N, C-alpha and C. Protein backbone atom coordinates (compact mmCIF):
# COMPACT_ATOMS: atom_id res chain seq x y z
N UNK A 1 -75.00 130.98 87.41
CA UNK A 1 -75.32 129.91 88.33
C UNK A 1 -75.29 130.43 89.77
N UNK A 2 -74.35 131.29 90.07
CA UNK A 2 -74.24 131.80 91.43
C UNK A 2 -75.46 132.60 91.82
N UNK A 3 -75.99 133.38 90.89
CA UNK A 3 -77.16 134.20 91.22
C UNK A 3 -78.37 133.32 91.50
N UNK A 4 -78.53 132.24 90.74
CA UNK A 4 -79.65 131.33 90.96
C UNK A 4 -79.54 130.61 92.29
N UNK A 5 -78.33 130.17 92.63
CA UNK A 5 -78.13 129.48 93.90
C UNK A 5 -78.36 130.42 95.07
N UNK A 6 -77.85 131.64 94.97
CA UNK A 6 -78.04 132.62 96.04
C UNK A 6 -79.51 132.96 96.21
N UNK A 7 -80.21 133.16 95.09
CA UNK A 7 -81.63 133.49 95.15
C UNK A 7 -82.43 132.33 95.73
N UNK A 8 -82.20 131.11 95.25
CA UNK A 8 -82.97 129.96 95.72
C UNK A 8 -82.71 129.68 97.20
N UNK A 9 -81.46 129.68 97.60
CA UNK A 9 -81.13 129.40 99.00
C UNK A 9 -81.74 130.44 99.93
N UNK A 10 -81.56 131.69 99.59
CA UNK A 10 -82.07 132.76 100.45
C UNK A 10 -83.58 132.80 100.47
N UNK A 11 -84.22 132.49 99.35
CA UNK A 11 -85.68 132.53 99.29
C UNK A 11 -86.31 131.48 100.19
N UNK A 12 -85.85 130.25 100.09
CA UNK A 12 -86.49 129.23 100.93
C UNK A 12 -86.14 129.42 102.40
N UNK A 13 -84.94 129.92 102.68
CA UNK A 13 -84.58 130.19 104.07
C UNK A 13 -85.44 131.32 104.65
N UNK A 14 -85.70 132.35 103.85
CA UNK A 14 -86.53 133.47 104.31
C UNK A 14 -87.95 133.01 104.58
N UNK A 15 -88.45 132.10 103.77
CA UNK A 15 -89.82 131.61 103.95
C UNK A 15 -89.95 130.77 105.22
N UNK A 16 -88.91 130.03 105.55
CA UNK A 16 -89.00 129.12 106.69
C UNK A 16 -88.50 129.69 108.01
N UNK A 17 -88.01 130.91 108.01
CA UNK A 17 -87.54 131.50 109.28
C UNK A 17 -88.69 131.58 110.27
N UNK A 18 -89.85 132.01 109.81
CA UNK A 18 -91.00 132.14 110.71
C UNK A 18 -91.97 130.99 110.59
N UNK A 19 -91.96 130.27 109.48
CA UNK A 19 -92.95 129.20 109.26
C UNK A 19 -92.68 127.98 110.13
N UNK A 20 -91.43 127.62 110.32
CA UNK A 20 -91.09 126.41 111.07
C UNK A 20 -90.29 126.82 112.31
N UNK A 21 -90.84 126.55 113.48
CA UNK A 21 -90.08 126.90 114.70
C UNK A 21 -88.85 126.01 114.83
N UNK A 22 -87.76 126.62 115.22
CA UNK A 22 -86.50 125.90 115.34
C UNK A 22 -86.39 125.23 116.70
N UNK A 23 -85.70 124.10 116.75
CA UNK A 23 -85.49 123.37 117.99
C UNK A 23 -84.44 124.09 118.84
N UNK A 24 -83.49 124.71 118.21
CA UNK A 24 -82.43 125.41 118.93
C UNK A 24 -82.53 126.91 118.69
N UNK A 25 -81.97 127.64 119.59
CA UNK A 25 -81.96 129.10 119.44
C UNK A 25 -80.79 129.50 118.56
N UNK A 26 -81.08 130.25 117.52
CA UNK A 26 -80.04 130.70 116.61
C UNK A 26 -79.24 131.83 117.20
N UNK A 27 -78.10 132.15 116.61
CA UNK A 27 -77.27 133.24 117.14
C UNK A 27 -77.88 134.62 116.89
N UNK A 28 -78.79 134.75 115.90
CA UNK A 28 -79.43 136.03 115.62
C UNK A 28 -80.91 135.95 115.97
N UNK A 29 -81.49 137.11 116.06
CA UNK A 29 -82.94 137.17 116.20
C UNK A 29 -83.58 136.72 114.88
N UNK A 30 -84.79 136.15 114.92
CA UNK A 30 -85.44 135.72 113.68
C UNK A 30 -85.64 136.85 112.67
N UNK A 31 -85.88 138.06 113.17
CA UNK A 31 -86.05 139.19 112.24
C UNK A 31 -84.75 139.46 111.48
N UNK A 32 -83.63 139.37 112.17
CA UNK A 32 -82.33 139.59 111.53
C UNK A 32 -82.05 138.49 110.51
N UNK A 33 -82.40 137.25 110.84
CA UNK A 33 -82.23 136.15 109.90
C UNK A 33 -83.09 136.36 108.66
N UNK A 34 -84.33 136.75 108.86
CA UNK A 34 -85.23 136.98 107.72
C UNK A 34 -84.72 138.12 106.85
N UNK A 35 -84.26 139.20 107.48
CA UNK A 35 -83.73 140.33 106.72
C UNK A 35 -82.51 139.93 105.90
N UNK A 36 -81.62 139.17 106.51
CA UNK A 36 -80.44 138.70 105.79
C UNK A 36 -80.80 137.80 104.62
N UNK A 37 -81.79 136.94 104.82
CA UNK A 37 -82.20 136.05 103.73
C UNK A 37 -82.90 136.82 102.61
N UNK A 38 -83.70 137.81 102.96
CA UNK A 38 -84.34 138.62 101.93
C UNK A 38 -83.31 139.43 101.15
N UNK A 39 -82.33 139.97 101.84
CA UNK A 39 -81.27 140.71 101.16
C UNK A 39 -80.45 139.79 100.26
N UNK A 40 -80.25 138.56 100.70
CA UNK A 40 -79.55 137.59 99.86
C UNK A 40 -80.32 137.27 98.59
N UNK A 41 -81.65 137.13 98.72
CA UNK A 41 -82.48 136.88 97.54
C UNK A 41 -82.44 138.07 96.60
N UNK A 42 -82.49 139.28 97.13
CA UNK A 42 -82.40 140.47 96.29
C UNK A 42 -81.03 140.58 95.61
N UNK A 43 -79.98 140.20 96.33
CA UNK A 43 -78.65 140.23 95.73
C UNK A 43 -78.55 139.23 94.58
N UNK A 44 -79.16 138.06 94.76
CA UNK A 44 -79.18 137.08 93.67
C UNK A 44 -79.90 137.60 92.44
N UNK A 45 -81.03 138.27 92.65
CA UNK A 45 -81.75 138.86 91.52
C UNK A 45 -80.94 139.98 90.87
N UNK A 46 -80.26 140.78 91.67
CA UNK A 46 -79.44 141.86 91.12
C UNK A 46 -78.29 141.31 90.28
N UNK A 47 -77.66 140.24 90.75
CA UNK A 47 -76.59 139.61 89.98
C UNK A 47 -77.13 139.10 88.65
N UNK A 48 -78.31 138.47 88.69
CA UNK A 48 -78.91 137.95 87.46
C UNK A 48 -79.21 139.08 86.48
N UNK A 49 -79.79 140.16 86.97
CA UNK A 49 -80.14 141.28 86.09
C UNK A 49 -78.89 141.90 85.49
N UNK A 50 -77.86 142.11 86.30
CA UNK A 50 -76.61 142.68 85.78
C UNK A 50 -75.95 141.76 84.77
N UNK A 51 -76.01 140.47 85.01
CA UNK A 51 -75.44 139.51 84.08
C UNK A 51 -76.19 139.54 82.75
N UNK A 52 -77.52 139.55 82.81
CA UNK A 52 -78.30 139.59 81.58
C UNK A 52 -78.10 140.89 80.82
N UNK A 53 -78.01 142.00 81.53
CA UNK A 53 -77.78 143.28 80.86
C UNK A 53 -76.39 143.35 80.23
N UNK A 54 -75.40 142.79 80.88
CA UNK A 54 -74.06 142.82 80.32
C UNK A 54 -73.95 141.92 79.10
N UNK A 55 -74.62 140.78 79.12
CA UNK A 55 -74.61 139.89 77.96
C UNK A 55 -75.40 140.51 76.82
N UNK A 56 -76.53 141.11 77.11
CA UNK A 56 -77.35 141.73 76.07
C UNK A 56 -76.65 142.95 75.49
N UNK A 57 -75.93 143.68 76.30
CA UNK A 57 -75.22 144.85 75.81
C UNK A 57 -74.00 144.51 74.99
N UNK A 58 -73.39 143.36 75.24
CA UNK A 58 -72.19 142.98 74.51
C UNK A 58 -72.52 142.33 73.17
N UNK A 59 -73.64 141.72 73.03
CA UNK A 59 -73.96 140.96 71.83
C UNK A 59 -74.11 141.83 70.58
N UNK A 60 -74.87 142.93 70.59
CA UNK A 60 -75.04 143.69 69.36
C UNK A 60 -73.73 144.28 68.83
N UNK A 61 -72.86 144.74 69.69
CA UNK A 61 -71.62 145.33 69.21
C UNK A 61 -70.72 144.27 68.59
N UNK A 62 -70.71 143.08 69.16
CA UNK A 62 -69.91 142.01 68.58
C UNK A 62 -70.46 141.59 67.23
N UNK A 63 -71.78 141.46 67.14
CA UNK A 63 -72.36 141.02 65.87
C UNK A 63 -72.22 142.10 64.80
N UNK A 64 -72.29 143.38 65.18
CA UNK A 64 -72.11 144.45 64.21
C UNK A 64 -70.67 144.48 63.71
N UNK A 65 -69.72 144.27 64.60
CA UNK A 65 -68.31 144.25 64.19
C UNK A 65 -68.03 143.05 63.30
N UNK A 66 -68.63 141.91 63.61
CA UNK A 66 -68.44 140.72 62.78
C UNK A 66 -69.07 140.91 61.41
N UNK A 67 -70.23 141.54 61.34
CA UNK A 67 -70.89 141.79 60.05
C UNK A 67 -70.07 142.76 59.22
N UNK A 68 -69.46 143.75 59.87
CA UNK A 68 -68.62 144.70 59.15
C UNK A 68 -67.39 144.03 58.58
N UNK A 69 -66.79 143.12 59.33
CA UNK A 69 -65.62 142.38 58.83
C UNK A 69 -65.99 141.49 57.66
N UNK A 70 -67.17 140.87 57.73
CA UNK A 70 -67.60 139.98 56.64
C UNK A 70 -67.89 140.75 55.36
N UNK A 71 -68.48 141.94 55.50
CA UNK A 71 -68.85 142.71 54.32
C UNK A 71 -67.64 143.34 53.65
N UNK A 72 -66.57 143.53 54.39
CA UNK A 72 -65.36 144.09 53.81
C UNK A 72 -65.35 145.60 53.76
N UNK A 73 -66.41 146.23 54.21
CA UNK A 73 -66.45 147.70 54.19
C UNK A 73 -66.01 148.23 55.54
N UNK A 74 -65.31 149.34 55.48
CA UNK A 74 -64.87 149.98 56.72
C UNK A 74 -64.88 151.47 56.51
N UNK A 75 -65.27 152.20 57.54
CA UNK A 75 -65.31 153.65 57.44
C UNK A 75 -63.91 154.25 57.54
N UNK A 76 -62.94 153.48 58.02
CA UNK A 76 -61.59 154.00 58.19
C UNK A 76 -60.77 153.97 56.90
N UNK A 77 -61.19 153.22 55.92
CA UNK A 77 -60.43 153.10 54.67
C UNK A 77 -60.83 154.24 53.74
N UNK A 78 -59.87 155.06 53.32
CA UNK A 78 -60.21 156.19 52.42
C UNK A 78 -60.54 155.67 51.02
N UNK A 79 -61.40 156.39 50.34
CA UNK A 79 -61.80 156.03 48.99
C UNK A 79 -60.99 156.88 48.02
N UNK A 80 -60.08 156.27 47.25
CA UNK A 80 -59.23 156.97 46.28
C UNK A 80 -59.84 156.81 44.90
N UNK A 81 -60.79 157.64 44.60
CA UNK A 81 -61.45 157.53 43.30
C UNK A 81 -60.94 158.54 42.33
C-alpha cells in the first residue's frame, strides 16, 4: 500500500509542478520540486518491485516444503533396508 500511495502522490505532483502555476512561491525551485516528485515516483515503483520479487521468491520454497511434509518423504531420513 505504501508503494502505491508514494507512486500516486509523487506522480500527480510531478505532473502539476509545471502544468498549473502556483499562487504562492514555494520554498524550492520548480525544477527541484519536479525532481523530488519524480524520484518519489521511482521509489514507489522500486518498493513495489522489491515487494513482488520477495513474495514471488518466498512462495515456491514454502510450497515445496509443505509438499514434502505432506508426502512424508525426506532426504534426511536414512533408508535401513
